[in-house]
Amino acid sequence: ISPDVLGYAELVEERKVADEKMVFVEGCPNPRAVSILVRGGAEHIVDEAERAIHDALSVVRNVIKEPKIVAGGGAVEIELAMRMNEFARKLPSKEQLAVVKYAEALEIIPSILAQTAGLEPVDAITELKKRHSEGEKWAGVDVLKGRVANMFKLNVLEPALVKKQVIKSATEAAVMIMRIDDIIAAAPPKEKKGEKEEKKEEEEEGSKPSFD
């Protein structure tokens, strides 16, 4: 075995953690994998810490995968809604109505955030639209202080990859529901039980031979 294929560690030792024995390998230069030891006074505390760490690592992974971020607080949704309303006005057919409804669906996110912050949703949406029309594209709902503010300056950020996936998944779910609704609407109406039995009796009477 050549030294090129061997690893190096400053410390390798066995330690007892609670009732279990674990081997700790520390001081490795440029490690390709690491372990995080999570401990807590109760199982639900450990589970909550594990979920928080998993979420944090997922955010880092998404940013590395696509190094772009956007502001949170409903800033992206209200900006998209305004641009879609502008696009809808250029459409001559009934497609305009579908685009307007899609824009209204996007406005639900900042509206719910405003309700959570104790704000009047209509007033919050109106102020958001006003500030976005003035060029403040990162204006969103500051839930902690109950106001409309620049989310970028408050460091309320989200990976762009996650935001795109959320909008895409929601759109696909809505389209699927609409398709199922169309299938149900296109199905032939079911006959009522009483009508079906009467129809069956009439057919049986009509099929009996006549001796007149």
N, C-alpha and C. Protein backbone atom coordinates (compact mmCIF):
# COMPACT_ATOMS: atom_id res chain seq x y z
N ILE A 1 0.86 -1.19 0.00
CA ILE A 1 0.00 0.00 0.00
C ILE A 1 0.89 1.23 0.00
N SER A 2 0.64 2.12 -0.94
CA SER A 2 1.44 3.34 -1.03
C SER A 2 0.82 4.43 -0.17
N PRO A 3 1.62 5.40 0.27
CA PRO A 3 1.10 6.50 1.10
C PRO A 3 0.04 7.34 0.40
N ASP A 4 -0.01 7.29 -0.95
CA ASP A 4 -0.98 8.10 -1.68
C ASP A 4 -2.42 7.69 -1.41
N VAL A 5 -2.64 6.42 -1.10
CA VAL A 5 -4.01 5.92 -0.90
C VAL A 5 -4.40 5.90 0.58
N LEU A 6 -3.50 6.30 1.44
CA LEU A 6 -3.79 6.30 2.87
C LEU A 6 -4.27 7.68 3.32
N GLY A 7 -5.15 7.70 4.31
CA GLY A 7 -5.64 8.95 4.87
C GLY A 7 -4.81 9.37 6.07
N TYR A 8 -5.16 10.55 6.59
CA TYR A 8 -4.43 11.07 7.75
C TYR A 8 -5.43 11.70 8.71
N ALA A 9 -5.22 11.48 9.98
CA ALA A 9 -6.05 12.09 11.02
C ALA A 9 -5.17 12.41 12.22
N GLU A 10 -5.44 13.55 12.83
CA GLU A 10 -4.67 13.93 14.01
C GLU A 10 -5.04 13.09 15.23
N LEU A 11 -6.31 12.65 15.26
CA LEU A 11 -6.76 11.90 16.43
C LEU A 11 -7.81 10.88 16.03
N VAL A 12 -7.63 9.65 16.49
CA VAL A 12 -8.63 8.59 16.32
C VAL A 12 -8.80 7.92 17.68
N GLU A 13 -9.98 8.06 18.25
CA GLU A 13 -10.19 7.47 19.57
C GLU A 13 -11.64 7.05 19.75
N GLU A 14 -11.84 6.12 20.66
CA GLU A 14 -13.17 5.64 20.99
C GLU A 14 -13.67 6.36 22.23
N ARG A 15 -14.88 6.91 22.14
CA ARG A 15 -15.47 7.61 23.27
C ARG A 15 -16.84 7.03 23.57
N LYS A 16 -17.23 7.17 24.81
CA LYS A 16 -18.55 6.69 25.22
C LYS A 16 -19.50 7.88 25.26
N VAL A 17 -20.54 7.81 24.44
CA VAL A 17 -21.56 8.85 24.39
C VAL A 17 -22.86 8.24 24.86
N ALA A 18 -23.32 8.72 26.03
CA ALA A 18 -24.49 8.11 26.67
C ALA A 18 -24.20 6.63 26.92
N ASP A 19 -24.99 5.74 26.33
CA ASP A 19 -24.77 4.30 26.54
C ASP A 19 -24.09 3.64 25.35
N GLU A 20 -23.64 4.44 24.39
CA GLU A 20 -23.04 3.87 23.18
C GLU A 20 -21.58 4.28 23.05
N LYS A 21 -20.81 3.40 22.43
CA LYS A 21 -19.41 3.68 22.15
C LYS A 21 -19.27 4.12 20.70
N MET A 22 -18.55 5.22 20.48
CA MET A 22 -18.38 5.76 19.14
C MET A 22 -16.90 6.03 18.88
N VAL A 23 -16.50 5.86 17.62
CA VAL A 23 -15.13 6.14 17.21
C VAL A 23 -15.09 7.52 16.58
N PHE A 24 -14.27 8.40 17.12
CA PHE A 24 -14.14 9.76 16.62
C PHE A 24 -12.83 9.89 15.84
N VAL A 25 -12.95 10.38 14.62
CA VAL A 25 -11.79 10.63 13.76
C VAL A 25 -11.74 12.14 13.53
N GLU A 26 -10.73 12.79 14.07
CA GLU A 26 -10.65 14.25 14.01
C GLU A 26 -9.35 14.71 13.38
N GLY A 27 -9.38 15.96 12.90
CA GLY A 27 -8.17 16.56 12.34
C GLY A 27 -7.80 16.03 10.98
N CYS A 28 -8.80 15.71 10.14
CA CYS A 28 -8.53 15.21 8.78
C CYS A 28 -8.43 16.40 7.81
N PRO A 29 -7.38 16.48 7.02
CA PRO A 29 -7.28 17.57 6.04
C PRO A 29 -8.22 17.32 4.86
N ASN A 30 -9.01 18.33 4.51
CA ASN A 30 -9.95 18.26 3.38
C ASN A 30 -10.85 17.02 3.44
N PRO A 31 -11.61 16.85 4.50
CA PRO A 31 -12.48 15.66 4.60
C PRO A 31 -13.62 15.74 3.59
N ARG A 32 -13.94 14.59 2.98
CA ARG A 32 -15.03 14.52 2.01
C ARG A 32 -16.37 14.24 2.67
N ALA A 33 -16.34 13.78 3.89
CA ALA A 33 -17.57 13.50 4.62
C ALA A 33 -17.35 13.78 6.10
N VAL A 34 -18.36 14.32 6.75
CA VAL A 34 -18.29 14.59 8.18
C VAL A 34 -19.59 14.13 8.83
N SER A 35 -19.53 13.94 10.14
CA SER A 35 -20.71 13.54 10.90
C SER A 35 -21.05 14.64 11.90
N ILE A 36 -22.35 14.83 12.12
CA ILE A 36 -22.83 15.81 13.09
C ILE A 36 -23.49 15.05 14.23
N LEU A 37 -23.00 15.23 15.43
CA LEU A 37 -23.55 14.56 16.60
C LEU A 37 -24.58 15.49 17.25
N VAL A 38 -25.83 15.05 17.27
CA VAL A 38 -26.92 15.84 17.84
C VAL A 38 -27.37 15.19 19.13
N ARG A 39 -27.38 15.97 20.21
CA ARG A 39 -27.81 15.45 21.51
C ARG A 39 -28.84 16.39 22.12
N GLY A 40 -29.70 15.83 22.95
CA GLY A 40 -30.72 16.64 23.60
C GLY A 40 -31.30 15.92 24.80
N GLY A 41 -32.04 16.68 25.60
CA GLY A 41 -32.61 16.11 26.82
C GLY A 41 -33.81 15.23 26.58
N ALA A 42 -34.43 15.36 25.41
CA ALA A 42 -35.61 14.55 25.09
C ALA A 42 -35.57 14.20 23.60
N GLU A 43 -36.31 13.16 23.24
CA GLU A 43 -36.28 12.69 21.86
C GLU A 43 -36.85 13.72 20.89
N HIS A 44 -37.92 14.42 21.30
CA HIS A 44 -38.52 15.40 20.39
C HIS A 44 -37.60 16.59 20.16
N ILE A 45 -36.75 16.91 21.15
CA ILE A 45 -35.78 18.00 20.98
C ILE A 45 -34.73 17.60 19.95
N VAL A 46 -34.27 16.36 20.03
CA VAL A 46 -33.29 15.86 19.06
C VAL A 46 -33.89 15.82 17.66
N ASP A 47 -35.16 15.38 17.56
CA ASP A 47 -35.82 15.33 16.25
C ASP A 47 -35.96 16.72 15.65
N GLU A 48 -36.31 17.69 16.49
CA GLU A 48 -36.46 19.07 16.00
C GLU A 48 -35.11 19.64 15.55
N ALA A 49 -34.05 19.35 16.32
CA ALA A 49 -32.71 19.81 15.93
C ALA A 49 -32.27 19.15 14.63
N GLU A 50 -32.59 17.88 14.47
CA GLU A 50 -32.22 17.17 13.24
C GLU A 50 -32.93 17.77 12.03
N ARG A 51 -34.22 18.10 12.18
CA ARG A 51 -34.96 18.72 11.08
C ARG A 51 -34.38 20.09 10.73
N ALA A 52 -34.01 20.86 11.75
CA ALA A 52 -33.45 22.19 11.51
C ALA A 52 -32.11 22.09 10.76
N ILE A 53 -31.28 21.15 11.17
CA ILE A 53 -29.98 20.96 10.49
C ILE A 53 -30.19 20.50 9.06
N HIS A 54 -31.15 19.59 8.87
CA HIS A 54 -31.44 19.10 7.52
C HIS A 54 -31.91 20.23 6.61
N ASP A 55 -32.78 21.10 7.14
CA ASP A 55 -33.27 22.24 6.35
C ASP A 55 -32.12 23.18 5.99
N ALA A 56 -31.24 23.44 6.97
CA ALA A 56 -30.12 24.35 6.72
C ALA A 56 -29.18 23.78 5.66
N LEU A 57 -28.89 22.49 5.75
CA LEU A 57 -28.01 21.86 4.76
C LEU A 57 -28.67 21.84 3.37
N SER A 58 -29.99 21.67 3.34
CA SER A 58 -30.69 21.67 2.05
C SER A 58 -30.61 23.05 1.39
N VAL A 59 -30.71 24.10 2.21
CA VAL A 59 -30.59 25.46 1.67
C VAL A 59 -29.21 25.68 1.07
N VAL A 60 -28.19 25.25 1.81
CA VAL A 60 -26.81 25.40 1.31
C VAL A 60 -26.62 24.62 0.01
N ARG A 61 -27.15 23.40 -0.03
CA ARG A 61 -27.04 22.57 -1.24
C ARG A 61 -27.70 23.25 -2.43
N ASN A 62 -28.90 23.82 -2.21
CA ASN A 62 -29.63 24.47 -3.30
C ASN A 62 -28.88 25.70 -3.82
N VAL A 63 -28.28 26.46 -2.90
CA VAL A 63 -27.54 27.65 -3.32
C VAL A 63 -26.28 27.26 -4.09
N ILE A 64 -25.64 26.17 -3.67
CA ILE A 64 -24.46 25.70 -4.40
C ILE A 64 -24.86 25.19 -5.78
N LYS A 65 -26.00 24.49 -5.85
CA LYS A 65 -26.48 23.95 -7.12
C LYS A 65 -26.83 25.07 -8.09
N GLU A 66 -27.51 26.10 -7.59
CA GLU A 66 -27.84 27.28 -8.41
C GLU A 66 -27.56 28.52 -7.56
N PRO A 67 -26.41 29.14 -7.72
CA PRO A 67 -26.00 30.25 -6.84
C PRO A 67 -26.76 31.54 -7.10
N LYS A 68 -28.07 31.49 -6.85
CA LYS A 68 -28.91 32.68 -7.00
C LYS A 68 -29.89 32.72 -5.84
N ILE A 69 -30.14 33.92 -5.33
CA ILE A 69 -31.08 34.08 -4.22
C ILE A 69 -32.08 35.19 -4.55
N VAL A 70 -33.24 35.11 -3.91
CA VAL A 70 -34.27 36.14 -4.07
C VAL A 70 -34.76 36.52 -2.68
N ALA A 71 -35.45 37.64 -2.60
CA ALA A 71 -35.98 38.09 -1.31
C ALA A 71 -37.24 37.32 -0.96
N GLY A 72 -37.48 37.15 0.33
CA GLY A 72 -38.69 36.48 0.80
C GLY A 72 -39.78 37.49 1.13
N GLY A 73 -40.67 37.10 2.02
CA GLY A 73 -41.73 38.02 2.45
C GLY A 73 -42.78 38.31 1.40
N GLY A 74 -42.88 37.45 0.38
CA GLY A 74 -43.88 37.66 -0.67
C GLY A 74 -43.47 38.67 -1.72
N ALA A 75 -42.20 39.11 -1.69
CA ALA A 75 -41.73 40.10 -2.66
C ALA A 75 -41.75 39.55 -4.08
N VAL A 76 -41.31 38.32 -4.24
CA VAL A 76 -41.26 37.71 -5.58
C VAL A 76 -42.68 37.50 -6.11
N GLU A 77 -43.57 37.02 -5.25
CA GLU A 77 -44.94 36.72 -5.69
C GLU A 77 -45.68 37.98 -6.14
N ILE A 78 -45.53 39.08 -5.40
CA ILE A 78 -46.25 40.30 -5.77
C ILE A 78 -45.66 40.90 -7.04
N GLU A 79 -44.35 40.77 -7.23
CA GLU A 79 -43.72 41.27 -8.46
C GLU A 79 -44.19 40.46 -9.66
N LEU A 80 -44.24 39.13 -9.51
CA LEU A 80 -44.72 38.28 -10.59
C LEU A 80 -46.19 38.56 -10.90
N ALA A 81 -46.99 38.77 -9.86
CA ALA A 81 -48.42 39.04 -10.07
C ALA A 81 -48.62 40.33 -10.86
N MET A 82 -47.85 41.36 -10.54
CA MET A 82 -47.98 42.63 -11.26
C MET A 82 -47.56 42.49 -12.71
N ARG A 83 -46.49 41.76 -12.95
CA ARG A 83 -46.02 41.58 -14.33
C ARG A 83 -46.99 40.71 -15.14
N MET A 84 -47.62 39.75 -14.48
CA MET A 84 -48.59 38.91 -15.19
C MET A 84 -49.85 39.70 -15.52
N ASN A 85 -50.25 40.61 -14.64
CA ASN A 85 -51.39 41.47 -14.94
C ASN A 85 -51.10 42.37 -16.14
N GLU A 86 -49.87 42.86 -16.23
CA GLU A 86 -49.48 43.66 -17.39
C GLU A 86 -49.51 42.82 -18.66
N PHE A 87 -49.05 41.58 -18.55
CA PHE A 87 -49.04 40.67 -19.70
C PHE A 87 -50.47 40.32 -20.12
N ALA A 88 -51.36 40.17 -19.12
CA ALA A 88 -52.75 39.80 -19.42
C ALA A 88 -53.45 40.86 -20.25
N ARG A 89 -53.12 42.12 -20.01
CA ARG A 89 -53.77 43.21 -20.75
C ARG A 89 -53.41 43.20 -22.24
N LYS A 90 -52.34 42.49 -22.59
CA LYS A 90 -51.93 42.41 -24.00
C LYS A 90 -52.59 41.25 -24.73
N LEU A 91 -53.29 40.39 -24.00
CA LEU A 91 -53.93 39.23 -24.62
C LEU A 91 -55.33 39.59 -25.08
N PRO A 92 -55.70 39.25 -26.32
CA PRO A 92 -57.01 39.64 -26.84
C PRO A 92 -58.13 38.66 -26.50
N SER A 93 -57.80 37.43 -26.17
CA SER A 93 -58.82 36.39 -26.01
C SER A 93 -59.12 36.12 -24.54
N LYS A 94 -59.85 35.01 -24.30
CA LYS A 94 -60.22 34.63 -22.94
C LYS A 94 -59.02 34.17 -22.12
N GLU A 95 -57.88 33.97 -22.76
CA GLU A 95 -56.67 33.61 -22.03
C GLU A 95 -56.32 34.68 -20.99
N GLN A 96 -56.76 35.90 -21.27
CA GLN A 96 -56.51 37.00 -20.35
C GLN A 96 -57.07 36.70 -18.96
N LEU A 97 -58.25 36.08 -18.91
CA LEU A 97 -58.88 35.76 -17.63
C LEU A 97 -58.07 34.74 -16.84
N ALA A 98 -57.52 33.75 -17.54
CA ALA A 98 -56.71 32.73 -16.88
C ALA A 98 -55.44 33.33 -16.29
N VAL A 99 -54.81 34.23 -17.03
CA VAL A 99 -53.58 34.87 -16.55
C VAL A 99 -53.87 35.75 -15.34
N VAL A 100 -55.00 36.47 -15.37
CA VAL A 100 -55.39 37.32 -14.23
C VAL A 100 -55.63 36.47 -12.99
N LYS A 101 -56.30 35.33 -13.14
CA LYS A 101 -56.56 34.45 -12.00
C LYS A 101 -55.27 33.86 -11.45
N TYR A 102 -54.33 33.57 -12.34
CA TYR A 102 -53.02 33.06 -11.89
C TYR A 102 -52.32 34.14 -11.06
N ALA A 103 -52.41 35.38 -11.50
CA ALA A 103 -51.80 36.49 -10.76
C ALA A 103 -52.46 36.64 -9.39
N GLU A 104 -53.79 36.48 -9.34
CA GLU A 104 -54.50 36.57 -8.06
C GLU A 104 -54.05 35.45 -7.11
N ALA A 105 -53.79 34.27 -7.66
CA ALA A 105 -53.32 33.16 -6.83
C ALA A 105 -51.95 33.47 -6.23
N LEU A 106 -51.08 34.12 -6.99
CA LEU A 106 -49.77 34.49 -6.47
C LEU A 106 -49.87 35.51 -5.33
N GLU A 107 -50.88 36.37 -5.40
CA GLU A 107 -51.05 37.39 -4.37
C GLU A 107 -51.50 36.81 -3.03
N ILE A 108 -51.93 35.55 -3.03
CA ILE A 108 -52.38 34.93 -1.77
C ILE A 108 -51.22 34.81 -0.78
N ILE A 109 -49.99 34.56 -1.28
CA ILE A 109 -48.84 34.38 -0.39
C ILE A 109 -48.58 35.64 0.44
N PRO A 110 -48.37 36.82 -0.17
CA PRO A 110 -48.18 38.01 0.66
C PRO A 110 -49.41 38.37 1.48
N SER A 111 -50.60 38.01 0.99
CA SER A 111 -51.82 38.29 1.75
C SER A 111 -51.84 37.49 3.06
N ILE A 112 -51.46 36.22 2.99
CA ILE A 112 -51.42 35.38 4.20
C ILE A 112 -50.33 35.87 5.15
N LEU A 113 -49.19 36.28 4.60
CA LEU A 113 -48.12 36.82 5.44
C LEU A 113 -48.59 38.08 6.16
N ALA A 114 -49.35 38.91 5.47
CA ALA A 114 -49.88 40.14 6.08
C ALA A 114 -50.83 39.80 7.23
N GLN A 115 -51.69 38.80 7.02
CA GLN A 115 -52.60 38.38 8.09
C GLN A 115 -51.82 37.85 9.29
N THR A 116 -50.76 37.09 9.02
CA THR A 116 -49.93 36.56 10.11
C THR A 116 -49.27 37.67 10.90
N ALA A 117 -48.90 38.75 10.21
CA ALA A 117 -48.24 39.88 10.88
C ALA A 117 -49.24 40.81 11.56
N GLY A 118 -50.53 40.52 11.44
CA GLY A 118 -51.54 41.37 12.06
C GLY A 118 -51.91 42.58 11.23
N LEU A 119 -51.57 42.56 9.95
CA LEU A 119 -51.89 43.67 9.05
C LEU A 119 -53.20 43.41 8.32
N GLU A 120 -53.78 44.47 7.79
CA GLU A 120 -54.96 44.33 6.94
C GLU A 120 -54.48 43.89 5.57
N PRO A 121 -54.87 42.70 5.10
CA PRO A 121 -54.34 42.17 3.84
C PRO A 121 -54.53 43.10 2.64
N VAL A 122 -55.71 43.72 2.54
CA VAL A 122 -55.97 44.60 1.39
C VAL A 122 -55.02 45.79 1.40
N ASP A 123 -54.84 46.40 2.58
CA ASP A 123 -53.94 47.55 2.69
C ASP A 123 -52.50 47.15 2.40
N ALA A 124 -52.10 45.96 2.89
CA ALA A 124 -50.72 45.50 2.67
C ALA A 124 -50.46 45.24 1.19
N ILE A 125 -51.41 44.59 0.51
CA ILE A 125 -51.24 44.31 -0.92
C ILE A 125 -51.19 45.61 -1.71
N THR A 126 -52.04 46.57 -1.32
CA THR A 126 -52.05 47.87 -2.02
C THR A 126 -50.71 48.58 -1.86
N GLU A 127 -50.17 48.57 -0.64
CA GLU A 127 -48.88 49.23 -0.41
C GLU A 127 -47.75 48.50 -1.14
N LEU A 128 -47.81 47.17 -1.15
CA LEU A 128 -46.79 46.40 -1.87
C LEU A 128 -46.80 46.73 -3.36
N LYS A 129 -47.99 46.80 -3.95
CA LYS A 129 -48.09 47.12 -5.37
C LYS A 129 -47.57 48.53 -5.64
N LYS A 130 -47.87 49.46 -4.74
CA LYS A 130 -47.42 50.84 -4.91
C LYS A 130 -45.89 50.91 -4.89
N ARG A 131 -45.29 50.23 -3.92
CA ARG A 131 -43.83 50.29 -3.80
C ARG A 131 -43.14 49.53 -4.92
N HIS A 132 -43.74 48.44 -5.37
CA HIS A 132 -43.15 47.71 -6.50
C HIS A 132 -43.26 48.52 -7.78
N SER A 133 -44.36 49.24 -7.95
CA SER A 133 -44.51 50.08 -9.14
C SER A 133 -43.51 51.24 -9.14
N GLU A 134 -43.02 51.59 -7.95
CA GLU A 134 -42.01 52.65 -7.83
C GLU A 134 -40.59 52.11 -7.96
N GLY A 135 -40.46 50.81 -8.22
CA GLY A 135 -39.14 50.22 -8.45
C GLY A 135 -38.57 49.45 -7.28
N GLU A 136 -39.30 49.37 -6.16
CA GLU A 136 -38.81 48.61 -5.00
C GLU A 136 -39.22 47.14 -5.15
N LYS A 137 -38.51 46.42 -6.00
CA LYS A 137 -38.91 45.05 -6.34
C LYS A 137 -38.70 44.06 -5.20
N TRP A 138 -37.94 44.43 -4.17
CA TRP A 138 -37.72 43.52 -3.04
C TRP A 138 -38.58 43.88 -1.84
N ALA A 139 -39.57 44.74 -2.02
CA ALA A 139 -40.47 45.09 -0.91
C ALA A 139 -41.37 43.90 -0.59
N GLY A 140 -41.42 43.54 0.68
CA GLY A 140 -42.23 42.41 1.12
C GLY A 140 -42.78 42.66 2.51
N VAL A 141 -43.40 41.65 3.07
CA VAL A 141 -44.04 41.77 4.39
C VAL A 141 -43.05 41.36 5.47
N ASP A 142 -42.74 42.30 6.36
CA ASP A 142 -41.90 42.02 7.52
C ASP A 142 -42.81 41.52 8.63
N VAL A 143 -42.86 40.21 8.81
CA VAL A 143 -43.79 39.61 9.77
C VAL A 143 -43.41 39.96 11.21
N LEU A 144 -42.12 40.11 11.49
CA LEU A 144 -41.68 40.37 12.87
C LEU A 144 -42.12 41.75 13.36
N LYS A 145 -42.07 42.75 12.48
CA LYS A 145 -42.42 44.11 12.90
C LYS A 145 -43.77 44.58 12.33
N GLY A 146 -44.42 43.72 11.56
CA GLY A 146 -45.74 44.06 11.04
C GLY A 146 -45.74 45.27 10.13
N ARG A 147 -44.92 45.22 9.09
CA ARG A 147 -44.81 46.35 8.17
C ARG A 147 -44.35 45.84 6.81
N VAL A 148 -44.37 46.73 5.83
CA VAL A 148 -43.82 46.44 4.51
C VAL A 148 -42.42 47.04 4.46
N ALA A 149 -41.43 46.21 4.11
CA ALA A 149 -40.04 46.67 4.13
C ALA A 149 -39.25 45.96 3.05
N ASN A 150 -38.01 46.41 2.85
CA ASN A 150 -37.10 45.80 1.89
C ASN A 150 -36.55 44.51 2.49
N MET A 151 -36.96 43.39 1.93
CA MET A 151 -36.57 42.09 2.48
C MET A 151 -35.09 41.80 2.29
N PHE A 152 -34.50 42.34 1.23
CA PHE A 152 -33.08 42.11 0.99
C PHE A 152 -32.25 42.77 2.09
N LYS A 153 -32.64 43.98 2.50
CA LYS A 153 -31.90 44.67 3.56
C LYS A 153 -32.08 43.98 4.90
N LEU A 154 -33.21 43.28 5.07
CA LEU A 154 -33.46 42.56 6.33
C LEU A 154 -32.88 41.15 6.31
N ASN A 155 -32.22 40.79 5.19
CA ASN A 155 -31.62 39.45 5.04
C ASN A 155 -32.65 38.33 5.10
N VAL A 156 -33.86 38.62 4.62
CA VAL A 156 -34.88 37.58 4.48
C VAL A 156 -34.77 37.07 3.05
N LEU A 157 -34.03 35.98 2.89
CA LEU A 157 -33.67 35.50 1.55
C LEU A 157 -34.09 34.05 1.35
N GLU A 158 -34.26 33.67 0.10
CA GLU A 158 -34.61 32.30 -0.27
C GLU A 158 -33.80 31.91 -1.51
N PRO A 159 -33.43 30.63 -1.62
CA PRO A 159 -32.76 30.18 -2.85
C PRO A 159 -33.72 30.29 -4.04
N ALA A 160 -33.23 30.81 -5.14
CA ALA A 160 -34.07 30.95 -6.34
C ALA A 160 -34.56 29.60 -6.83
N LEU A 161 -33.74 28.56 -6.66
CA LEU A 161 -34.11 27.22 -7.09
C LEU A 161 -35.37 26.74 -6.37
N VAL A 162 -35.44 26.99 -5.07
CA VAL A 162 -36.61 26.57 -4.28
C VAL A 162 -37.85 27.35 -4.71
N LYS A 163 -37.69 28.64 -4.92
CA LYS A 163 -38.84 29.47 -5.33
C LYS A 163 -39.40 29.00 -6.66
N LYS A 164 -38.53 28.71 -7.61
CA LYS A 164 -38.99 28.24 -8.92
C LYS A 164 -39.69 26.90 -8.81
N GLN A 165 -39.15 26.01 -7.98
CA GLN A 165 -39.74 24.69 -7.82
C GLN A 165 -41.11 24.76 -7.15
N VAL A 166 -41.25 25.67 -6.18
CA VAL A 166 -42.54 25.83 -5.49
C VAL A 166 -43.62 26.28 -6.47
N ILE A 167 -43.30 27.29 -7.27
CA ILE A 167 -44.28 27.81 -8.24
C ILE A 167 -44.60 26.76 -9.29
N LYS A 168 -43.59 26.04 -9.74
CA LYS A 168 -43.79 24.99 -10.75
C LYS A 168 -44.67 23.88 -10.20
N SER A 169 -44.40 23.42 -8.97
CA SER A 169 -45.17 22.33 -8.38
C SER A 169 -46.62 22.74 -8.14
N ALA A 170 -46.82 23.97 -7.66
CA ALA A 170 -48.19 24.46 -7.42
C ALA A 170 -48.97 24.54 -8.73
N THR A 171 -48.31 24.99 -9.79
CA THR A 171 -48.98 25.09 -11.09
C THR A 171 -49.36 23.71 -11.62
N GLU A 172 -48.44 22.76 -11.50
CA GLU A 172 -48.71 21.40 -11.97
C GLU A 172 -49.86 20.77 -11.18
N ALA A 173 -49.92 21.02 -9.87
CA ALA A 173 -51.00 20.48 -9.05
C ALA A 173 -52.35 21.07 -9.47
N ALA A 174 -52.37 22.38 -9.73
CA ALA A 174 -53.62 23.03 -10.16
C ALA A 174 -54.08 22.50 -11.51
N VAL A 175 -53.15 22.31 -12.43
CA VAL A 175 -53.49 21.78 -13.76
C VAL A 175 -54.05 20.36 -13.64
N MET A 176 -53.45 19.55 -12.76
CA MET A 176 -53.91 18.18 -12.58
C MET A 176 -55.34 18.15 -12.03
N ILE A 177 -55.62 19.02 -11.06
CA ILE A 177 -56.98 19.08 -10.49
C ILE A 177 -57.99 19.50 -11.55
N MET A 178 -57.61 20.46 -12.39
CA MET A 178 -58.51 20.92 -13.45
C MET A 178 -58.78 19.81 -14.46
N ARG A 179 -57.76 19.00 -14.76
CA ARG A 179 -57.96 17.90 -15.70
C ARG A 179 -58.90 16.85 -15.13
N ILE A 180 -58.74 16.54 -13.84
CA ILE A 180 -59.63 15.57 -13.18
C ILE A 180 -61.06 16.10 -13.18
N ASP A 181 -61.22 17.40 -12.91
CA ASP A 181 -62.54 18.01 -12.91
C ASP A 181 -63.19 17.93 -14.29
N ASP A 182 -62.38 18.12 -15.35
CA ASP A 182 -62.90 18.01 -16.72
C ASP A 182 -63.37 16.59 -17.02
N ILE A 183 -62.61 15.59 -16.52
CA ILE A 183 -62.98 14.19 -16.76
C ILE A 183 -64.30 13.87 -16.08
N ILE A 184 -64.47 14.35 -14.84
CA ILE A 184 -65.72 14.11 -14.10
C ILE A 184 -66.88 14.80 -14.80
N ALA A 185 -66.65 16.03 -15.27
CA ALA A 185 -67.72 16.77 -15.94
C ALA A 185 -68.12 16.12 -17.26
N ALA A 186 -67.16 15.47 -17.92
CA ALA A 186 -67.44 14.85 -19.21
C ALA A 186 -68.06 13.47 -19.09
N ALA A 187 -68.08 12.89 -17.88
CA ALA A 187 -68.64 11.56 -17.69
C ALA A 187 -70.16 11.59 -17.85
N PRO A 188 -70.77 10.52 -18.39
CA PRO A 188 -72.23 10.50 -18.56
C PRO A 188 -72.93 10.52 -17.21
N PRO A 189 -74.06 11.19 -17.11
CA PRO A 189 -74.78 11.26 -15.83
C PRO A 189 -75.28 9.89 -15.40
N LYS A 190 -75.18 9.62 -14.10
CA LYS A 190 -75.63 8.34 -13.58
C LYS A 190 -77.14 8.36 -13.37
N GLU A 191 -77.78 7.24 -13.71
CA GLU A 191 -79.23 7.14 -13.51
C GLU A 191 -79.53 6.87 -12.05
N LYS A 192 -80.61 7.45 -11.59
CA LYS A 192 -81.02 7.19 -10.22
C LYS A 192 -81.50 5.76 -10.09
N LYS A 193 -81.42 5.24 -8.87
CA LYS A 193 -81.75 3.84 -8.64
C LYS A 193 -83.19 3.53 -9.01
N GLY A 194 -84.13 4.41 -8.62
CA GLY A 194 -85.54 4.18 -8.92
C GLY A 194 -85.81 4.20 -10.41
N GLU A 195 -85.20 5.16 -11.12
CA GLU A 195 -85.41 5.26 -12.57
C GLU A 195 -84.84 4.04 -13.27
N LYS A 196 -83.71 3.54 -12.77
CA LYS A 196 -83.07 2.38 -13.38
C LYS A 196 -83.95 1.14 -13.24
N GLU A 197 -84.57 0.97 -12.05
CA GLU A 197 -85.43 -0.19 -11.82
C GLU A 197 -86.69 -0.12 -12.68
N GLU A 198 -87.28 1.10 -12.80
CA GLU A 198 -88.47 1.26 -13.64
C GLU A 198 -88.16 0.94 -15.10
N LYS A 199 -86.99 1.40 -15.54
CA LYS A 199 -86.59 1.15 -16.92
C LYS A 199 -86.40 -0.34 -17.17
N LYS A 200 -85.84 -1.03 -16.16
CA LYS A 200 -85.62 -2.47 -16.29
C LYS A 200 -86.95 -3.22 -16.36
N GLU A 201 -87.94 -2.79 -15.54
CA GLU A 201 -89.26 -3.44 -15.55
C GLU A 201 -89.95 -3.23 -16.89
N GLU A 202 -89.83 -2.03 -17.45
CA GLU A 202 -90.45 -1.75 -18.75
C GLU A 202 -89.84 -2.62 -19.84
N GLU A 203 -88.51 -2.81 -19.77
CA GLU A 203 -87.84 -3.65 -20.77
C GLU A 203 -88.28 -5.11 -20.64
N GLU A 204 -88.46 -5.58 -19.38
CA GLU A 204 -88.90 -6.96 -19.16
C GLU A 204 -90.32 -7.17 -19.66
N GLU A 205 -91.20 -6.18 -19.41
CA GLU A 205 -92.58 -6.29 -19.88
C GLU A 205 -92.65 -6.27 -21.40
N GLY A 206 -91.79 -5.45 -21.99
CA GLY A 206 -91.78 -5.37 -23.45
C GLY A 206 -91.25 -6.62 -24.10
N SER A 207 -90.41 -7.38 -23.38
CA SER A 207 -89.82 -8.58 -23.95
C SER A 207 -90.72 -9.81 -23.78
N LYS A 208 -91.82 -9.71 -22.97
CA LYS A 208 -92.71 -10.86 -22.77
C LYS A 208 -93.52 -11.10 -24.04
N PRO A 209 -93.73 -12.38 -24.42
CA PRO A 209 -94.51 -12.68 -25.64
C PRO A 209 -95.98 -12.35 -25.45
N SER A 210 -96.62 -11.90 -26.47
CA SER A 210 -98.05 -11.55 -26.42
C SER A 210 -98.85 -12.66 -27.08
N PHE A 211 -99.98 -13.13 -26.42
CA PHE A 211 -100.81 -14.21 -26.94
C PHE A 211 -102.14 -13.70 -27.46
N ASP A 212 -102.27 -12.41 -27.66
CA ASP A 212 -103.54 -11.85 -28.17
C ASP A 212 -103.73 -12.21 -29.63
